[in-house]
Amino acid sequence: MDMVMKLGATSGVVIFTKSSCCISHSIETLIRSFGANPIIYELDTHPNGKQMEKALIELGCQQSVPAIFIGKELVGGANEIMSLNVRGKLKQLLIKANAIWV
């Protein structure tokens, strides 16, 4: 769990995903559309992917991917990101995390 938290704190936006997950790709595209450049960890190709996936589930992610950290904090998965976006709060969160500049 510590490894995932440390990796999640390495950048303004960190996304844990799997290469075959279309929802993860959509979330990555949404975040990039604001101008952010997230760090992506693909669990199915990463040497420690299984450990990271288990840690994400222990942190409370209902599905292991996508799991999104913004501003060094676990925001959640696709539902949380989409909800923030619909409410107009995703951009503010990205700015606060210094992931984008306006």
PDB file of N, CA and C in Angstrom:
ATOM      1  N   MET A   1       0.827  -1.190   0.000  1.00  0.00           N
ATOM      2  CA  MET A   1       0.000   0.000   0.000  1.00  0.00           C
ATOM      3  C   MET A   1       0.874   1.257   0.000  1.00  0.00           C
ATOM      4  N   ASP A   2       1.983   1.212   0.732  1.00  0.00           N
ATOM      5  CA  ASP A   2       2.887   2.362   0.782  1.00  0.00           C
ATOM      6  C   ASP A   2       3.440   2.698  -0.597  1.00  0.00           C
ATOM      7  N   MET A   3       3.756   1.661  -1.381  1.00  0.00           N
ATOM      8  CA  MET A   3       4.307   1.890  -2.708  1.00  0.00           C
ATOM      9  C   MET A   3       3.317   2.661  -3.580  1.00  0.00           C
ATOM     10  N   VAL A   4       2.054   2.289  -3.531  1.00  0.00           N
ATOM     11  CA  VAL A   4       1.030   2.957  -4.329  1.00  0.00           C
ATOM     12  C   VAL A   4       0.863   4.408  -3.881  1.00  0.00           C
ATOM     13  N   MET A   5       0.850   4.641  -2.583  1.00  0.00           N
ATOM     14  CA  MET A   5       0.714   6.003  -2.063  1.00  0.00           C
ATOM     15  C   MET A   5       1.913   6.863  -2.479  1.00  0.00           C
ATOM     16  N   LYS A   6       3.114   6.297  -2.434  1.00  0.00           N
ATOM     17  CA  LYS A   6       4.309   7.037  -2.851  1.00  0.00           C
ATOM     18  C   LYS A   6       4.262   7.352  -4.334  1.00  0.00           C
ATOM     19  N   LEU A   7       3.871   6.378  -5.150  1.00  0.00           N
ATOM     20  CA  LEU A   7       3.765   6.617  -6.587  1.00  0.00           C
ATOM     21  C   LEU A   7       2.681   7.646  -6.882  1.00  0.00           C
ATOM     22  N   GLY A   8       1.589   7.587  -6.135  1.00  0.00           N
ATOM     23  CA  GLY A   8       0.495   8.533  -6.325  1.00  0.00           C
ATOM     24  C   GLY A   8       0.869   9.957  -5.987  1.00  0.00           C
ATOM     25  N   ALA A   9       1.925  10.125  -5.230  1.00  0.00           N
ATOM     26  CA  ALA A   9       2.364  11.458  -4.817  1.00  0.00           C
ATOM     27  C   ALA A   9       3.493  12.006  -5.687  1.00  0.00           C
ATOM     28  N   THR A  10       3.875  11.295  -6.741  1.00  0.00           N
ATOM     29  CA  THR A  10       5.022  11.706  -7.555  1.00  0.00           C
ATOM     30  C   THR A  10       4.696  12.779  -8.577  1.00  0.00           C
ATOM     31  N   SER A  11       3.427  13.051  -8.812  1.00  0.00           N
ATOM     32  CA  SER A  11       3.042  14.022  -9.833  1.00  0.00           C
ATOM     33  C   SER A  11       1.677  14.606  -9.474  1.00  0.00           C
ATOM     34  N   GLY A  12       1.310  15.682 -10.162  1.00  0.00           N
ATOM     35  CA  GLY A  12       0.003  16.290  -9.925  1.00  0.00           C
ATOM     36  C   GLY A  12      -1.141  15.336 -10.208  1.00  0.00           C
ATOM     37  N   VAL A  13      -0.969  14.489 -11.229  1.00  0.00           N
ATOM     38  CA  VAL A  13      -1.983  13.492 -11.578  1.00  0.00           C
ATOM     39  C   VAL A  13      -1.295  12.165 -11.875  1.00  0.00           C
ATOM     40  N   VAL A  14      -1.767  11.117 -11.220  1.00  0.00           N
ATOM     41  CA  VAL A  14      -1.252   9.759 -11.453  1.00  0.00           C
ATOM     42  C   VAL A  14      -2.455   8.853 -11.660  1.00  0.00           C
ATOM     43  N   ILE A  15      -2.400   8.057 -12.729  1.00  0.00           N
ATOM     44  CA  ILE A  15      -3.497   7.144 -13.049  1.00  0.00           C
ATOM     45  C   ILE A  15      -2.967   5.721 -13.075  1.00  0.00           C
ATOM     46  N   PHE A  16      -3.600   4.853 -12.310  1.00  0.00           N
ATOM     47  CA  PHE A  16      -3.310   3.421 -12.350  1.00  0.00           C
ATOM     48  C   PHE A  16      -4.366   2.796 -13.253  1.00  0.00           C
ATOM     49  N   THR A  17      -3.924   2.047 -14.250  1.00  0.00           N
ATOM     50  CA  THR A  17      -4.816   1.542 -15.272  1.00  0.00           C
ATOM     51  C   THR A  17      -4.369   0.163 -15.734  1.00  0.00           C
ATOM     52  N   LYS A  18      -5.081  -0.359 -16.697  1.00  0.00           N
ATOM     53  CA  LYS A  18      -4.670  -1.562 -17.428  1.00  0.00           C
ATOM     54  C   LYS A  18      -4.736  -1.221 -18.903  1.00  0.00           C
ATOM     55  N   SER A  19      -3.840  -1.779 -19.663  1.00  0.00           N
ATOM     56  CA  SER A  19      -3.742  -1.428 -21.084  1.00  0.00           C
ATOM     57  C   SER A  19      -5.008  -1.755 -21.872  1.00  0.00           C
ATOM     58  N   SER A  20      -5.790  -2.706 -21.394  1.00  0.00           N
ATOM     59  CA  SER A  20      -6.991  -3.115 -22.115  1.00  0.00           C
ATOM     60  C   SER A  20      -8.274  -2.431 -21.628  1.00  0.00           C
ATOM     61  N   CYS A  21      -8.162  -1.511 -20.677  1.00  0.00           N
ATOM     62  CA  CYS A  21      -9.348  -0.898 -20.074  1.00  0.00           C
ATOM     63  C   CYS A  21      -9.769   0.361 -20.834  1.00  0.00           C
ATOM     64  N   CYS A  22     -10.896   0.294 -21.529  1.00  0.00           N
ATOM     65  CA  CYS A  22     -11.360   1.438 -22.319  1.00  0.00           C
ATOM     66  C   CYS A  22     -11.833   2.589 -21.425  1.00  0.00           C
ATOM     67  N   ILE A  23     -12.359   2.296 -20.254  1.00  0.00           N
ATOM     68  CA  ILE A  23     -12.776   3.349 -19.326  1.00  0.00           C
ATOM     69  C   ILE A  23     -11.547   4.131 -18.856  1.00  0.00           C
ATOM     70  N   SER A  24     -10.473   3.430 -18.545  1.00  0.00           N
ATOM     71  CA  SER A  24      -9.235   4.095 -18.131  1.00  0.00           C
ATOM     72  C   SER A  24      -8.733   5.016 -19.230  1.00  0.00           C
ATOM     73  N   HIS A  25      -8.798   4.555 -20.464  1.00  0.00           N
ATOM     74  CA  HIS A  25      -8.357   5.376 -21.596  1.00  0.00           C
ATOM     75  C   HIS A  25      -9.220   6.638 -21.697  1.00  0.00           C
ATOM     76  N   SER A  26     -10.517   6.503 -21.486  1.00  0.00           N
ATOM     77  CA  SER A  26     -11.422   7.654 -21.547  1.00  0.00           C
ATOM     78  C   SER A  26     -11.112   8.662 -20.442  1.00  0.00           C
ATOM     79  N   ILE A  27     -10.828   8.182 -19.249  1.00  0.00           N
ATOM     80  CA  ILE A  27     -10.487   9.068 -18.129  1.00  0.00           C
ATOM     81  C   ILE A  27      -9.162   9.774 -18.408  1.00  0.00           C
ATOM     82  N   GLU A  28      -8.195   9.043 -18.923  1.00  0.00           N
ATOM     83  CA  GLU A  28      -6.910   9.652 -19.280  1.00  0.00           C
ATOM     84  C   GLU A  28      -7.114  10.751 -20.330  1.00  0.00           C
ATOM     85  N   THR A  29      -7.927  10.476 -21.331  1.00  0.00           N
ATOM     86  CA  THR A  29      -8.212  11.460 -22.382  1.00  0.00           C
ATOM     87  C   THR A  29      -8.893  12.690 -21.812  1.00  0.00           C
ATOM     88  N   LEU A  30      -9.850  12.493 -20.907  1.00  0.00           N
ATOM     89  CA  LEU A  30     -10.537  13.617 -20.271  1.00  0.00           C
ATOM     90  C   LEU A  30      -9.538  14.488 -19.513  1.00  0.00           C
ATOM     91  N   ILE A  31      -8.691  13.883 -18.714  1.00  0.00           N
ATOM     92  CA  ILE A  31      -7.726  14.646 -17.916  1.00  0.00           C
ATOM     93  C   ILE A  31      -6.730  15.367 -18.816  1.00  0.00           C
ATOM     94  N   ARG A  32      -6.294  14.710 -19.876  1.00  0.00           N
ATOM     95  CA  ARG A  32      -5.381  15.354 -20.829  1.00  0.00           C
ATOM     96  C   ARG A  32      -6.058  16.521 -21.553  1.00  0.00           C
ATOM     97  N   SER A  33      -7.370  16.461 -21.724  1.00  0.00           N
ATOM     98  CA  SER A  33      -8.082  17.535 -22.427  1.00  0.00           C
ATOM     99  C   SER A  33      -8.013  18.863 -21.670  1.00  0.00           C
ATOM    100  N   PHE A  34      -7.729  18.816 -20.383  1.00  0.00           N
ATOM    101  CA  PHE A  34      -7.551  20.033 -19.585  1.00  0.00           C
ATOM    102  C   PHE A  34      -6.119  20.561 -19.680  1.00  0.00           C
ATOM    103  N   GLY A  35      -5.237  19.776 -20.298  1.00  0.00           N
ATOM    104  CA  GLY A  35      -3.843  20.167 -20.425  1.00  0.00           C
ATOM    105  C   GLY A  35      -2.916  19.490 -19.430  1.00  0.00           C
ATOM    106  N   ALA A  36      -3.447  18.597 -18.633  1.00  0.00           N
ATOM    107  CA  ALA A  36      -2.624  17.874 -17.662  1.00  0.00           C
ATOM    108  C   ALA A  36      -1.850  16.763 -18.370  1.00  0.00           C
ATOM    109  N   ASN A  37      -0.724  16.409 -17.789  1.00  0.00           N
ATOM    110  CA  ASN A  37       0.102  15.331 -18.327  1.00  0.00           C
ATOM    111  C   ASN A  37       0.292  14.281 -17.229  1.00  0.00           C
ATOM    112  N   PRO A  38      -0.690  13.387 -17.082  1.00  0.00           N
ATOM    113  CA  PRO A  38      -0.623  12.423 -15.980  1.00  0.00           C
ATOM    114  C   PRO A  38       0.463  11.374 -16.177  1.00  0.00           C
ATOM    115  N   ILE A  39       0.948  10.872 -15.059  1.00  0.00           N
ATOM    116  CA  ILE A  39       1.821   9.696 -15.085  1.00  0.00           C
ATOM    117  C   ILE A  39       0.897   8.486 -15.083  1.00  0.00           C
ATOM    118  N   ILE A  40       1.155   7.554 -15.967  1.00  0.00           N
ATOM    119  CA  ILE A  40       0.304   6.371 -16.130  1.00  0.00           C
ATOM    120  C   ILE A  40       1.080   5.127 -15.710  1.00  0.00           C
ATOM    121  N   TYR A  41       0.463   4.316 -14.867  1.00  0.00           N
ATOM    122  CA  TYR A  41       1.003   3.012 -14.501  1.00  0.00           C
ATOM    123  C   TYR A  41       0.027   1.952 -14.977  1.00  0.00           C
ATOM    124  N   GLU A  42       0.454   1.155 -15.952  1.00  0.00           N
ATOM    125  CA  GLU A  42      -0.385   0.067 -16.454  1.00  0.00           C
ATOM    126  C   GLU A  42      -0.080  -1.183 -15.638  1.00  0.00           C
ATOM    127  N   LEU A  43      -1.040  -1.571 -14.841  1.00  0.00           N
ATOM    128  CA  LEU A  43      -0.820  -2.667 -13.896  1.00  0.00           C
ATOM    129  C   LEU A  43      -0.576  -4.005 -14.573  1.00  0.00           C
ATOM    130  N   ASP A  44      -1.138  -4.198 -15.756  1.00  0.00           N
ATOM    131  CA  ASP A  44      -0.964  -5.487 -16.434  1.00  0.00           C
ATOM    132  C   ASP A  44       0.391  -5.611 -17.127  1.00  0.00           C
ATOM    133  N   THR A  45       1.151  -4.523 -17.223  1.00  0.00           N
ATOM    134  CA  THR A  45       2.480  -4.590 -17.830  1.00  0.00           C
ATOM    135  C   THR A  45       3.593  -4.218 -16.849  1.00  0.00           C
ATOM    136  N   HIS A  46       3.242  -3.667 -15.717  1.00  0.00           N
ATOM    137  CA  HIS A  46       4.234  -3.250 -14.714  1.00  0.00           C
ATOM    138  C   HIS A  46       4.706  -4.465 -13.924  1.00  0.00           C
ATOM    139  N   PRO A  47       6.016  -4.549 -13.633  1.00  0.00           N
ATOM    140  CA  PRO A  47       6.538  -5.707 -12.883  1.00  0.00           C
ATOM    141  C   PRO A  47       5.871  -5.905 -11.515  1.00  0.00           C
ATOM    142  N   ASN A  48       5.467  -4.833 -10.862  1.00  0.00           N
ATOM    143  CA  ASN A  48       4.804  -4.925  -9.552  1.00  0.00           C
ATOM    144  C   ASN A  48       3.301  -4.696  -9.654  1.00  0.00           C
ATOM    145  N   GLY A  49       2.757  -4.895 -10.837  1.00  0.00           N
ATOM    146  CA  GLY A  49       1.354  -4.602 -11.093  1.00  0.00           C
ATOM    147  C   GLY A  49       0.369  -5.326 -10.183  1.00  0.00           C
ATOM    148  N   LYS A  50       0.615  -6.591  -9.938  1.00  0.00           N
ATOM    149  CA  LYS A  50      -0.308  -7.367  -9.076  1.00  0.00           C
ATOM    150  C   LYS A  50      -0.315  -6.806  -7.657  1.00  0.00           C
ATOM    151  N   GLN A  51       0.861  -6.461  -7.142  1.00  0.00           N
ATOM    152  CA  GLN A  51       0.960  -5.878  -5.800  1.00  0.00           C
ATOM    153  C   GLN A  51       0.227  -4.534  -5.755  1.00  0.00           C
ATOM    154  N   MET A  52       0.433  -3.719  -6.783  1.00  0.00           N
ATOM    155  CA  MET A  52      -0.212  -2.408  -6.823  1.00  0.00           C
ATOM    156  C   MET A  52      -1.727  -2.552  -6.895  1.00  0.00           C
ATOM    157  N   GLU A  53      -2.198  -3.502  -7.698  1.00  0.00           N
ATOM    158  CA  GLU A  53      -3.638  -3.727  -7.819  1.00  0.00           C
ATOM    159  C   GLU A  53      -4.238  -4.126  -6.471  1.00  0.00           C
ATOM    160  N   LYS A  54      -3.567  -5.011  -5.771  1.00  0.00           N
ATOM    161  CA  LYS A  54      -4.037  -5.434  -4.448  1.00  0.00           C
ATOM    162  C   LYS A  54      -4.070  -4.249  -3.481  1.00  0.00           C
ATOM    163  N   ALA A  55      -3.036  -3.413  -3.527  1.00  0.00           N
ATOM    164  CA  ALA A  55      -2.970  -2.237  -2.645  1.00  0.00           C
ATOM    165  C   ALA A  55      -4.094  -1.254  -2.951  1.00  0.00           C
ATOM    166  N   LEU A  56      -4.420  -1.062  -4.225  1.00  0.00           N
ATOM    167  CA  LEU A  56      -5.508  -0.155  -4.592  1.00  0.00           C
ATOM    168  C   LEU A  56      -6.839  -0.648  -4.044  1.00  0.00           C
ATOM    169  N   ILE A  57      -7.051  -1.944  -4.099  1.00  0.00           N
ATOM    170  CA  ILE A  57      -8.284  -2.518  -3.551  1.00  0.00           C
ATOM    171  C   ILE A  57      -8.317  -2.324  -2.037  1.00  0.00           C
ATOM    172  N   GLU A  58      -7.160  -2.499  -1.381  1.00  0.00           N
ATOM    173  CA  GLU A  58      -7.086  -2.281   0.068  1.00  0.00           C
ATOM    174  C   GLU A  58      -7.349  -0.820   0.433  1.00  0.00           C
ATOM    175  N   LEU A  59      -7.004   0.102  -0.482  1.00  0.00           N
ATOM    176  CA  LEU A  59      -7.250   1.526  -0.242  1.00  0.00           C
ATOM    177  C   LEU A  59      -8.718   1.906  -0.438  1.00  0.00           C
ATOM    178  N   GLY A  60      -9.509   0.968  -0.947  1.00  0.00           N
ATOM    179  CA  GLY A  60     -10.929   1.222  -1.079  1.00  0.00           C
ATOM    180  C   GLY A  60     -11.440   1.381  -2.495  1.00  0.00           C
ATOM    181  N   CYS A  61     -10.591   1.182  -3.478  1.00  0.00           N
ATOM    182  CA  CYS A  61     -11.059   1.248  -4.866  1.00  0.00           C
ATOM    183  C   CYS A  61     -11.948   0.038  -5.121  1.00  0.00           C
ATOM    184  N   GLN A  62     -13.181   0.287  -5.527  1.00  0.00           N
ATOM    185  CA  GLN A  62     -14.104  -0.826  -5.747  1.00  0.00           C
ATOM    186  C   GLN A  62     -13.640  -1.694  -6.894  1.00  0.00           C
ATOM    187  N   GLN A  63     -13.226  -1.056  -7.953  1.00  0.00           N
ATOM    188  CA  GLN A  63     -12.555  -1.777  -9.023  1.00  0.00           C
ATOM    189  C   GLN A  63     -11.141  -1.240  -9.006  1.00  0.00           C
ATOM    190  N   SER A  64     -10.188  -2.081  -9.279  1.00  0.00           N
ATOM    191  CA  SER A  64      -8.804  -1.639  -9.132  1.00  0.00           C
ATOM    192  C   SER A  64      -8.423  -0.542 -10.124  1.00  0.00           C
ATOM    193  N   VAL A  65      -9.014  -0.547 -11.312  1.00  0.00           N
ATOM    194  CA  VAL A  65      -8.679   0.487 -12.308  1.00  0.00           C
ATOM    195  C   VAL A  65      -9.928   1.057 -12.948  1.00  0.00           C
ATOM    196  N   PRO A  66      -9.893   2.298 -13.386  1.00  0.00           N
ATOM    197  CA  PRO A  66      -8.817   3.229 -13.139  1.00  0.00           C
ATOM    198  C   PRO A  66      -8.856   3.725 -11.696  1.00  0.00           C
ATOM    199  N   ALA A  67      -7.695   4.022 -11.172  1.00  0.00           N
ATOM    200  CA  ALA A  67      -7.570   4.651  -9.854  1.00  0.00           C
ATOM    201  C   ALA A  67      -6.763   5.924 -10.073  1.00  0.00           C
ATOM    202  N   ILE A  68      -7.318   7.050  -9.661  1.00  0.00           N
ATOM    203  CA  ILE A  68      -6.731   8.337  -9.986  1.00  0.00           C
ATOM    204  C   ILE A  68      -6.327   9.091  -8.718  1.00  0.00           C
ATOM    205  N   PHE A  69      -5.071   9.508  -8.699  1.00  0.00           N
ATOM    206  CA  PHE A  69      -4.560  10.380  -7.653  1.00  0.00           C
ATOM    207  C   PHE A  69      -4.427  11.776  -8.248  1.00  0.00           C
ATOM    208  N   ILE A  70      -4.956  12.764  -7.563  1.00  0.00           N
ATOM    209  CA  ILE A  70      -4.786  14.160  -7.965  1.00  0.00           C
ATOM    210  C   ILE A  70      -4.315  14.914  -6.728  1.00  0.00           C
ATOM    211  N   GLY A  71      -3.225  15.646  -6.885  1.00  0.00           N
ATOM    212  CA  GLY A  71      -2.695  16.390  -5.750  1.00  0.00           C
ATOM    213  C   GLY A  71      -2.287  15.502  -4.599  1.00  0.00           C
ATOM    214  N   LYS A  72      -1.688  14.360  -4.915  1.00  0.00           N
ATOM    215  CA  LYS A  72      -1.155  13.406  -3.928  1.00  0.00           C
ATOM    216  C   LYS A  72      -2.231  12.683  -3.122  1.00  0.00           C
ATOM    217  N   GLU A  73      -3.489  12.806  -3.523  1.00  0.00           N
ATOM    218  CA  GLU A  73      -4.575  12.130  -2.813  1.00  0.00           C
ATOM    219  C   GLU A  73      -5.356  11.245  -3.772  1.00  0.00           C
ATOM    220  N   LEU A  74      -5.778  10.096  -3.264  1.00  0.00           N
ATOM    221  CA  LEU A  74      -6.603   9.200  -4.057  1.00  0.00           C
ATOM    222  C   LEU A  74      -7.990   9.803  -4.197  1.00  0.00           C
ATOM    223  N   VAL A  75      -8.344  10.173  -5.436  1.00  0.00           N
ATOM    224  CA  VAL A  75      -9.663  10.744  -5.698  1.00  0.00           C
ATOM    225  C   VAL A  75     -10.679   9.627  -5.872  1.00  0.00           C
ATOM    226  N   GLY A  76     -10.263   8.542  -6.491  1.00  0.00           N
ATOM    227  CA  GLY A  76     -11.152   7.411  -6.711  1.00  0.00           C
ATOM    228  C   GLY A  76     -11.027   6.893  -8.127  1.00  0.00           C
ATOM    229  N   GLY A  77     -12.149   6.422  -8.638  1.00  0.00           N
ATOM    230  CA  GLY A  77     -12.167   5.829  -9.966  1.00  0.00           C
ATOM    231  C   GLY A  77     -12.893   6.687 -10.982  1.00  0.00           C
ATOM    232  N   ALA A  78     -13.351   6.036 -12.030  1.00  0.00           N
ATOM    233  CA  ALA A  78     -14.001   6.731 -13.137  1.00  0.00           C
ATOM    234  C   ALA A  78     -15.251   7.482 -12.684  1.00  0.00           C
ATOM    235  N   ASN A  79     -16.053   6.883 -11.819  1.00  0.00           N
ATOM    236  CA  ASN A  79     -17.284   7.544 -11.374  1.00  0.00           C
ATOM    237  C   ASN A  79     -16.992   8.859 -10.663  1.00  0.00           C
ATOM    238  N   GLU A  80     -15.984   8.856  -9.807  1.00  0.00           N
ATOM    239  CA  GLU A  80     -15.640  10.071  -9.069  1.00  0.00           C
ATOM    240  C   GLU A  80     -15.120  11.158 -10.004  1.00  0.00           C
ATOM    241  N   ILE A  81     -14.287  10.781 -10.967  1.00  0.00           N
ATOM    242  CA  ILE A  81     -13.746  11.754 -11.917  1.00  0.00           C
ATOM    243  C   ILE A  81     -14.862  12.332 -12.785  1.00  0.00           C
ATOM    244  N   MET A  82     -15.744  11.480 -13.272  1.00  0.00           N
ATOM    245  CA  MET A  82     -16.849  11.967 -14.105  1.00  0.00           C
ATOM    246  C   MET A  82     -17.774  12.875 -13.301  1.00  0.00           C
ATOM    247  N   SER A  83     -18.029  12.532 -12.060  1.00  0.00           N
ATOM    248  CA  SER A  83     -18.873  13.358 -11.199  1.00  0.00           C
ATOM    249  C   SER A  83     -18.234  14.725 -10.974  1.00  0.00           C
ATOM    250  N   LEU A  84     -16.948  14.750 -10.692  1.00  0.00           N
ATOM    251  CA  LEU A  84     -16.240  16.022 -10.526  1.00  0.00           C
ATOM    252  C   LEU A  84     -16.327  16.858 -11.799  1.00  0.00           C
ATOM    253  N   ASN A  85     -16.174  16.212 -12.939  1.00  0.00           N
ATOM    254  CA  ASN A  85     -16.216  16.927 -14.210  1.00  0.00           C
ATOM    255  C   ASN A  85     -17.609  17.515 -14.475  1.00  0.00           C
ATOM    256  N   VAL A  86     -18.642  16.727 -14.251  1.00  0.00           N
ATOM    257  CA  VAL A  86     -20.019  17.190 -14.483  1.00  0.00           C
ATOM    258  C   VAL A  86     -20.355  18.375 -13.584  1.00  0.00           C
ATOM    259  N   ARG A  87     -19.838  18.350 -12.354  1.00  0.00           N
ATOM    260  CA  ARG A  87     -20.100  19.444 -11.405  1.00  0.00           C
ATOM    261  C   ARG A  87     -19.159  20.631 -11.592  1.00  0.00           C
ATOM    262  N   GLY A  88     -18.262  20.545 -12.581  1.00  0.00           N
ATOM    263  CA  GLY A  88     -17.345  21.636 -12.852  1.00  0.00           C
ATOM    264  C   GLY A  88     -16.215  21.768 -11.850  1.00  0.00           C
ATOM    265  N   LYS A  89     -15.921  20.696 -11.133  1.00  0.00           N
ATOM    266  CA  LYS A  89     -14.902  20.759 -10.079  1.00  0.00           C
ATOM    267  C   LYS A  89     -13.586  20.082 -10.450  1.00  0.00           C
ATOM    268  N   LEU A  90     -13.564  19.341 -11.539  1.00  0.00           N
ATOM    269  CA  LEU A  90     -12.337  18.637 -11.919  1.00  0.00           C
ATOM    270  C   LEU A  90     -11.239  19.627 -12.290  1.00  0.00           C
ATOM    271  N   LYS A  91     -11.576  20.635 -13.088  1.00  0.00           N
ATOM    272  CA  LYS A  91     -10.585  21.626 -13.495  1.00  0.00           C
ATOM    273  C   LYS A  91      -9.999  22.331 -12.273  1.00  0.00           C
ATOM    274  N   GLN A  92     -10.846  22.697 -11.325  1.00  0.00           N
ATOM    275  CA  GLN A  92     -10.374  23.362 -10.104  1.00  0.00           C
ATOM    276  C   GLN A  92      -9.410  22.467  -9.333  1.00  0.00           C
ATOM    277  N   LEU A  93      -9.727  21.199  -9.259  1.00  0.00           N
ATOM    278  CA  LEU A  93      -8.871  20.246  -8.546  1.00  0.00           C
ATOM    279  C   LEU A  93      -7.518  20.105  -9.242  1.00  0.00           C
ATOM    280  N   LEU A  94      -7.531  20.078 -10.569  1.00  0.00           N
ATOM    281  CA  LEU A  94      -6.285  19.983 -11.334  1.00  0.00           C
ATOM    282  C   LEU A  94      -5.427  21.237 -11.145  1.00  0.00           C
ATOM    283  N   ILE A  95      -6.064  22.389 -11.103  1.00  0.00           N
ATOM    284  CA  ILE A  95      -5.333  23.644 -10.868  1.00  0.00           C
ATOM    285  C   ILE A  95      -4.724  23.646  -9.470  1.00  0.00           C
ATOM    286  N   LYS A  96      -5.506  23.257  -8.483  1.00  0.00           N
ATOM    287  CA  LYS A  96      -5.020  23.223  -7.093  1.00  0.00           C
ATOM    288  C   LYS A  96      -3.834  22.279  -6.937  1.00  0.00           C
ATOM    289  N   ALA A  97      -3.816  21.203  -7.721  1.00  0.00           N
ATOM    290  CA  ALA A  97      -2.732  20.213  -7.671  1.00  0.00           C
ATOM    291  C   ALA A  97      -1.528  20.622  -8.515  1.00  0.00           C
ATOM    292  N   ASN A  98      -1.605  21.798  -9.128  1.00  0.00           N
ATOM    293  CA  ASN A  98      -0.556  22.283 -10.032  1.00  0.00           C
ATOM    294  C   ASN A  98      -0.332  21.343 -11.215  1.00  0.00           C
ATOM    295  N   ALA A  99      -1.402  20.646 -11.605  1.00  0.00           N
ATOM    296  CA  ALA A  99      -1.323  19.755 -12.766  1.00  0.00           C
ATOM    297  C   ALA A  99      -1.574  20.540 -14.052  1.00  0.00           C
ATOM    298  N   ILE A 100      -2.277  21.672 -13.923  1.00  0.00           N
ATOM    299  CA  ILE A 100      -2.514  22.574 -15.053  1.00  0.00           C
ATOM    300  C   ILE A 100      -2.396  24.009 -14.572  1.00  0.00           C
ATOM    301  N   TRP A 101      -2.177  24.898 -15.517  1.00  0.00           N
ATOM    302  CA  TRP A 101      -2.111  26.317 -15.218  1.00  0.00           C
ATOM    303  C   TRP A 101      -3.102  27.025 -16.116  1.00  0.00           C
ATOM    304  N   VAL A 102      -3.697  28.067 -15.604  1.00  0.00           N
ATOM    305  CA  VAL A 102      -4.676  28.817 -16.399  1.00  0.00           C
ATOM    306  C   VAL A 102      -4.107  30.178 -16.740  1.00  0.00           C
TER     307      VAL A 102
END
